[in-house]
């Protein structure tokens, strides 16, 4: 029996995953949490019911999935951690695997793939969904091509119309929630666009992103 701790802030999503896992003879959901802090509280309060796998989202209030992963890496090294998220930013993938992540899945995968991935990871393997694998390959390919230009130059920055729209609103000082309301996106999607822009520009934070955009004529 593979013991699972679910860490997901959306109850409907969490309940759906729980029903799927509990429909299988090989899985047992031993606990649930809505953020990383609650997950750590569960582990401290239930030393006799430690999960084999923690299946966690990234974007959560109070303690997100990456912060949780860092703590688990240091304090609970025997627990396998799998991220299941709407976010497909390559920086999360790279950082995650640096901290012992065993799997990274996006939420558009099918049930069969999720079950296969968890079984594979429980048996000692690692797993990335196809979308993440292709992003990683593109990251490697792009890194080789971008090396021909100075980092942060206009030549290595490609931007979609939606990203340009988000970038303009970021430059005007709007928060992720305000941007989401203005252009009818979810907060998570806006967060994803913001991080993609930072990654593409090769900068450290939002302030440097805006500076980069004006200096390179992306914004006027």
Protein backbone atom coordinates (compact mmCIF):
# COMPACT_ATOMS: atom_id res chain seq x y z
CA UNK A 1 0.00 0.00 0.00
CA UNK A 2 1.42 3.39 -1.06
CA UNK A 3 0.62 6.07 1.53
CA UNK A 4 -0.11 9.53 0.12
CA UNK A 5 -0.38 12.95 1.76
CA UNK A 6 -2.32 15.39 -0.42
CA UNK A 7 -1.32 19.07 -0.23
CA UNK A 8 -3.70 21.18 -2.33
CA UNK A 9 -5.50 24.41 -1.48
CA UNK A 10 -8.49 23.85 -3.76
CA UNK A 11 -10.83 21.44 -1.98
CA UNK A 12 -12.64 20.36 -5.14
CA UNK A 13 -9.36 19.40 -6.80
CA UNK A 14 -8.11 17.70 -3.64
CA UNK A 15 -11.30 15.70 -3.25
CA UNK A 16 -11.16 14.61 -6.89
CA UNK A 17 -7.59 13.37 -6.55
CA UNK A 18 -8.46 11.63 -3.29
CA UNK A 19 -11.40 9.80 -4.86
CA UNK A 20 -9.22 8.68 -7.75
CA UNK A 21 -6.43 7.39 -5.52
CA UNK A 22 -8.76 5.64 -3.11
CA UNK A 23 -10.42 3.86 -6.02
CA UNK A 24 -7.12 2.01 -6.48
CA UNK A 25 -6.11 -0.91 -4.25
CA UNK A 26 -2.47 0.23 -4.15
CA UNK A 27 -3.01 3.74 -2.70
CA UNK A 28 -4.09 5.06 0.69
CA UNK A 29 -4.60 8.78 1.35
CA UNK A 30 -3.36 9.11 4.93
CA UNK A 31 -3.82 12.87 5.24
CA UNK A 32 -4.77 16.14 3.59
CA UNK A 33 -3.47 19.70 3.86
CA UNK A 34 -4.24 23.00 2.16
CA UNK A 35 -0.68 24.41 2.34
CA UNK A 36 2.87 23.49 3.25
CA UNK A 37 2.57 24.51 6.87
CA UNK A 38 -0.40 22.21 7.40
CA UNK A 39 1.55 19.41 5.74
CA UNK A 40 4.45 19.87 8.17
CA UNK A 41 2.00 20.02 11.07
CA UNK A 42 0.56 16.70 9.93
CA UNK A 43 4.02 15.08 9.79
CA UNK A 44 4.89 16.32 13.27
CA UNK A 45 1.56 15.19 14.72
CA UNK A 46 1.49 11.78 13.03
CA UNK A 47 4.96 10.21 13.37
CA UNK A 48 3.41 6.73 13.06
CA UNK A 49 1.66 7.53 9.78
CA UNK A 50 4.40 9.05 7.64
CA UNK A 51 3.46 9.03 3.93
CA UNK A 52 5.54 7.41 1.22
CA UNK A 53 4.68 10.25 -1.18
CA UNK A 54 3.60 13.84 -0.71
CA UNK A 55 1.63 15.09 -3.71
CA UNK A 56 1.65 18.87 -3.58
CA UNK A 57 0.65 21.94 -5.54
CA UNK A 58 3.02 24.93 -5.83
CA UNK A 59 0.89 28.06 -5.40
CA UNK A 60 -0.60 27.99 -1.91
CA UNK A 61 -1.04 30.56 0.82
CA UNK A 62 1.22 30.64 3.91
CA UNK A 63 3.73 28.08 2.60
CA UNK A 64 3.95 27.11 -1.07
CA UNK A 65 5.05 23.82 -2.55
CA UNK A 66 8.64 24.82 -3.25
CA UNK A 67 9.14 26.10 0.31
CA UNK A 68 7.64 22.84 1.59
CA UNK A 69 9.99 20.84 -0.63
CA UNK A 70 13.04 22.62 0.81
CA UNK A 71 12.00 21.76 4.36
CA UNK A 72 11.19 18.16 3.48
CA UNK A 73 14.56 17.79 1.75
CA UNK A 74 16.33 18.66 5.00
CA UNK A 75 14.04 17.07 7.58
CA UNK A 76 12.17 14.23 5.86
CA UNK A 77 14.56 12.93 3.24
CA UNK A 78 12.84 9.54 2.98
CA UNK A 79 9.54 11.01 1.77
CA UNK A 80 9.18 11.22 -1.99
CA UNK A 81 7.73 14.55 -3.17
CA UNK A 82 5.71 14.99 -6.37
CA UNK A 83 4.48 18.35 -7.64
CA UNK A 84 1.12 18.51 -9.41
CA UNK A 85 0.56 22.08 -10.57
CA UNK A 86 -0.91 24.35 -13.22
CA UNK A 87 2.46 26.13 -13.31
CA UNK A 88 4.89 24.85 -15.92
CA UNK A 89 7.80 27.23 -15.36
CA UNK A 90 11.12 25.56 -15.96
CA UNK A 91 12.75 27.34 -13.00
CA UNK A 92 10.42 25.48 -10.63
CA UNK A 93 11.33 22.19 -12.29
CA UNK A 94 15.07 22.79 -12.03
CA UNK A 95 14.94 24.04 -8.44
CA UNK A 96 12.61 21.23 -7.47
CA UNK A 97 14.92 18.49 -8.67
CA UNK A 98 17.83 20.20 -6.92
CA UNK A 99 15.89 19.67 -3.69
CA UNK A 100 15.15 16.01 -4.26
CA UNK A 101 11.87 16.28 -6.17
CA UNK A 102 10.84 12.92 -7.62
CA UNK A 103 8.16 14.03 -10.05
CA UNK A 104 6.69 17.11 -11.72
CA UNK A 105 3.24 16.85 -13.29
CA UNK A 106 0.95 19.46 -14.79
CA UNK A 107 -2.76 19.35 -13.99
CA UNK A 108 -3.84 18.72 -17.57
CA UNK A 109 -2.54 15.15 -17.46
CA UNK A 110 -4.98 12.24 -17.52
CA UNK A 111 -5.86 10.03 -14.59
CA UNK A 112 -3.98 7.07 -16.02
CA UNK A 113 -0.78 9.08 -16.33
CA UNK A 114 -1.09 10.35 -12.77
CA UNK A 115 -1.52 6.81 -11.45
CA UNK A 116 1.36 5.52 -13.56
CA UNK A 117 3.63 8.34 -12.38
CA UNK A 118 2.88 7.73 -8.70
CA UNK A 119 3.43 3.98 -9.03
CA UNK A 120 6.67 4.57 -10.93
CA UNK A 121 7.92 7.03 -8.30
CA UNK A 122 6.91 4.75 -5.43
CA UNK A 123 9.04 2.04 -7.06
CA UNK A 124 12.06 4.35 -6.97
CA UNK A 125 11.87 6.14 -10.32
CA UNK A 126 11.41 9.77 -11.28
CA UNK A 127 8.81 11.18 -13.62
CA UNK A 128 8.05 14.34 -15.59
CA UNK A 129 4.90 14.81 -17.66
CA UNK A 130 5.40 15.25 -21.39
CA UNK A 131 4.76 19.01 -21.28
CA UNK A 132 7.47 19.50 -18.68
CA UNK A 133 9.91 17.26 -20.57
CA UNK A 134 9.42 19.28 -23.75
CA UNK A 135 9.88 22.56 -21.86
CA UNK A 136 13.11 21.26 -20.39
CA UNK A 137 14.38 20.25 -23.82
CA UNK A 138 13.44 23.68 -25.18
CA UNK A 139 15.21 25.32 -22.27
CA UNK A 140 18.39 23.40 -23.08
CA UNK A 141 18.10 24.15 -26.79
CA UNK A 142 17.38 27.82 -26.21
CA UNK A 143 20.25 28.12 -23.77
CA UNK A 144 22.66 26.97 -26.44
CA UNK A 145 21.25 29.42 -28.96
CA UNK A 146 21.07 32.32 -26.56
CA UNK A 147 24.73 31.91 -25.68
CA UNK A 148 25.52 33.62 -28.99
CA UNK A 149 24.13 36.89 -27.61
CA UNK A 150 24.77 38.85 -24.40
CA UNK A 151 22.46 37.74 -21.61
CA UNK A 152 19.57 40.16 -21.25
CA UNK A 153 19.85 41.48 -24.80
CA UNK A 154 16.81 42.11 -27.02
CA UNK A 155 17.97 39.35 -29.40
CA UNK A 156 17.16 36.57 -26.95
CA UNK A 157 13.74 37.82 -25.85
CA UNK A 158 10.60 36.51 -27.52
CA UNK A 159 7.23 37.61 -26.17
CA UNK A 160 3.65 36.74 -26.98
CA UNK A 161 0.85 39.29 -27.25
CA UNK A 162 -0.60 38.12 -23.93
CA UNK A 163 2.78 38.34 -22.21
CA UNK A 164 3.25 41.85 -23.60
CA UNK A 165 -0.14 42.81 -22.20
CA UNK A 166 0.79 41.42 -18.78
CA UNK A 167 4.19 43.11 -18.94
CA UNK A 168 2.60 46.48 -19.62
CA UNK A 169 0.32 46.13 -16.60
CA UNK A 170 3.23 45.02 -14.43
CA UNK A 171 5.11 48.15 -15.47
CA UNK A 172 2.11 50.22 -14.42
CA UNK A 173 2.37 48.74 -10.93
CA UNK A 174 -0.62 46.41 -10.91
CA UNK A 175 -0.54 43.31 -8.69
CA UNK A 176 -1.15 39.78 -9.99
CA UNK A 177 -4.71 39.84 -8.67
CA UNK A 178 -5.43 43.24 -10.26
CA UNK A 179 -3.99 42.09 -13.59
CA UNK A 180 -6.07 38.92 -13.44
CA UNK A 181 -9.23 40.98 -12.91
CA UNK A 182 -8.38 43.39 -15.73
CA UNK A 183 -7.71 40.84 -18.46
CA UNK A 184 -9.93 38.00 -17.20
CA UNK A 185 -7.26 35.46 -16.29
CA UNK A 186 -6.71 33.46 -13.13
CA UNK A 187 -4.18 34.71 -10.59
CA UNK A 188 -2.10 31.59 -11.20
CA UNK A 189 -1.96 32.23 -14.94
CA UNK A 190 -0.76 35.78 -14.33
CA UNK A 191 1.86 34.48 -11.90
CA UNK A 192 2.99 32.08 -14.60
CA UNK A 193 3.27 34.86 -17.20
CA UNK A 194 5.24 37.04 -14.77
CA UNK A 195 7.71 34.26 -14.01
CA UNK A 196 8.04 33.34 -17.69
CA UNK A 197 8.92 36.96 -18.49
CA UNK A 198 11.53 37.07 -15.73
CA UNK A 199 13.03 33.82 -16.98
CA UNK A 200 13.07 34.94 -20.61
CA UNK A 201 14.71 38.25 -19.75
CA UNK A 202 17.31 36.54 -17.61
CA UNK A 203 16.71 38.95 -14.73
CA UNK A 204 16.29 38.45 -10.98
CA UNK A 205 12.99 40.11 -10.17
CA UNK A 206 10.10 42.22 -11.42
CA UNK A 207 11.92 45.54 -11.00
CA UNK A 208 14.76 44.35 -13.20
CA UNK A 209 12.22 42.97 -15.69
CA UNK A 210 10.57 46.39 -16.10
CA UNK A 211 13.99 48.08 -16.44
CA UNK A 212 14.98 45.51 -19.06
CA UNK A 213 11.75 46.05 -20.99
CA UNK A 214 12.22 49.83 -21.25
CA UNK A 215 15.92 49.65 -22.00
CA UNK A 216 15.34 47.23 -24.88
CA UNK A 217 12.35 49.01 -26.40
CA UNK A 218 9.85 46.30 -25.49
CA UNK A 219 7.86 48.95 -23.62
CA UNK A 220 7.82 52.61 -24.57
